[in-house]
Amino acid sequence: EANIFIFDPFIENKIIEEHGCKPISKIEGIKLADYISIHLPLNTETKNFISKKEFELMKESVILVNSARGGIVNESDLYDALTKNKIRGAGLDVFSSTSYVDPYQPLISPQI
């Protein structure tokens, strides 16, 4: 059985609970999660929403998925977290740049 926790500053906790989920703070969620799935718009508040500070708090076994917007996850910090085995893995279908070449080549390389 999976426990689903949600951090969403725009939705009331009672609505989260009505859907069978548990509200949680961003920091507590990052510390607790086995999987993190990001569903945010990109704006000034969410740019680099996940960066070095958050990666330091995550379990080494966490898998991060960003299918929201590029720029929410700091790709340089993600690369460091992956290469230093601070997190288990990441799935991305978005990047902060539309360029599919450098500087993101290390993130799409099968060597990671």
Protein backbone atom coordinates (compact mmCIF):
# COMPACT_ATOMS: atom_id res chain seq x y z
CA GLU A 1 0.00 0.00 0.00
CA ALA A 2 1.34 3.38 -0.99
CA ASN A 3 0.97 6.54 1.04
CA ILE A 4 0.52 9.54 -1.20
CA PHE A 5 1.62 12.86 0.25
CA ILE A 6 0.99 16.15 -1.50
CA PHE A 7 2.61 19.54 -1.08
CA ASP A 8 0.54 22.19 -2.79
CA PRO A 9 0.44 25.71 -1.37
CA PHE A 10 -2.55 26.58 -3.56
CA ILE A 11 -4.93 23.79 -2.50
CA GLU A 12 -6.56 23.55 0.91
CA ASN A 13 -5.51 20.53 2.98
CA LYS A 14 -9.10 19.34 3.29
CA ILE A 15 -9.31 19.00 -0.51
CA ILE A 16 -6.09 16.95 -0.56
CA GLU A 17 -7.52 14.72 2.18
CA GLU A 18 -10.85 14.32 0.33
CA HIS A 19 -8.88 12.66 -2.46
CA GLY A 20 -7.31 10.11 -0.11
CA CYS A 21 -3.95 11.86 0.09
CA LYS A 22 -2.06 13.39 2.99
CA PRO A 23 -0.91 17.03 3.01
CA ILE A 24 2.75 17.59 3.86
CA SER A 25 5.23 20.47 3.87
CA LYS A 26 7.74 20.75 1.04
CA ILE A 27 10.73 20.02 3.29
CA GLU A 28 9.11 17.09 5.11
CA GLY A 29 7.94 15.64 1.80
CA ILE A 30 11.42 15.87 0.30
CA LYS A 31 12.92 14.12 3.33
CA LEU A 32 10.30 11.36 3.39
CA ALA A 33 9.66 10.58 -0.28
CA ASP A 34 10.70 7.49 -2.16
CA TYR A 35 9.39 9.06 -5.37
CA ILE A 36 8.90 12.75 -6.13
CA SER A 37 6.72 13.74 -9.06
CA ILE A 38 6.64 17.44 -9.94
CA HIS A 39 3.53 19.13 -11.33
CA LEU A 40 4.11 22.89 -11.12
CA PRO A 41 3.95 25.89 -13.41
CA LEU A 42 7.25 27.68 -13.97
CA ASN A 43 7.27 31.14 -12.42
CA THR A 44 9.50 33.22 -10.16
CA GLU A 45 8.43 31.18 -7.10
CA THR A 46 9.06 27.78 -8.69
CA LYS A 47 12.26 28.42 -10.67
CA ASN A 48 14.94 26.15 -9.14
CA PHE A 49 12.27 24.78 -6.78
CA ILE A 50 14.45 21.67 -6.56
CA SER A 51 18.15 22.50 -6.27
CA LYS A 52 21.20 21.60 -4.19
CA LYS A 53 19.49 22.32 -0.85
CA GLU A 54 16.62 19.94 -1.65
CA PHE A 55 18.90 17.24 -3.07
CA GLU A 56 20.88 17.28 0.18
CA LEU A 57 17.67 16.49 2.10
CA MET A 58 16.50 13.62 -0.13
CA LYS A 59 16.98 9.93 0.54
CA GLU A 60 19.70 8.32 -1.56
CA SER A 61 17.04 5.94 -2.88
CA VAL A 62 14.67 8.65 -4.16
CA ILE A 63 13.59 8.86 -7.79
CA LEU A 64 12.68 12.33 -9.03
CA VAL A 65 10.32 12.84 -11.98
CA ASN A 66 9.81 16.22 -13.62
CA SER A 67 7.27 16.29 -16.40
CA ALA A 68 6.09 19.82 -15.56
CA ARG A 69 8.39 22.57 -16.81
CA GLY A 70 12.10 22.97 -17.36
CA GLY A 71 13.74 25.29 -14.86
CA ILE A 72 11.86 23.91 -11.87
CA VAL A 73 14.72 21.46 -11.28
CA ASN A 74 18.19 22.97 -11.41
CA GLU A 75 19.86 20.68 -13.97
CA SER A 76 23.40 21.40 -12.80
CA ASP A 77 22.51 20.45 -9.23
CA LEU A 78 20.62 17.40 -10.50
CA TYR A 79 23.71 16.29 -12.41
CA ASP A 80 25.80 16.63 -9.23
CA ALA A 81 23.23 14.67 -7.20
CA LEU A 82 23.19 11.86 -9.76
CA THR A 83 26.95 11.60 -10.27
CA LYS A 84 27.63 11.72 -6.53
CA ASN A 85 24.92 9.09 -5.88
CA LYS A 86 22.95 11.47 -3.66
CA ILE A 87 19.76 10.27 -5.37
CA ARG A 88 18.95 7.03 -7.18
CA GLY A 89 17.60 8.43 -10.41
CA ALA A 90 15.62 11.01 -12.32
CA GLY A 91 13.16 11.05 -15.17
CA LEU A 92 12.86 14.26 -17.16
CA ASP A 93 10.97 15.17 -20.27
CA VAL A 94 11.67 18.88 -19.89
CA PHE A 95 14.78 21.03 -19.64
CA SER A 96 15.29 24.73 -18.91
CA SER A 97 16.58 25.23 -22.44
CA THR A 98 15.03 24.05 -25.68
CA SER A 99 18.51 23.16 -26.93
CA TYR A 100 18.92 19.38 -26.90
CA VAL A 101 22.70 19.61 -26.89
CA ASP A 102 25.18 20.91 -24.32
CA PRO A 103 25.02 21.81 -21.48
CA TYR A 104 22.51 18.99 -20.84
CA GLN A 105 24.39 16.22 -22.66
CA PRO A 106 25.55 14.72 -19.35
CA LEU A 107 21.93 14.33 -18.23
CA ILE A 108 20.89 12.44 -21.36
CA SER A 109 23.99 10.29 -21.52
CA PRO A 110 23.58 6.56 -20.83
CA GLN A 111 26.71 6.75 -18.66
CA ILE A 112 24.69 8.01 -15.69
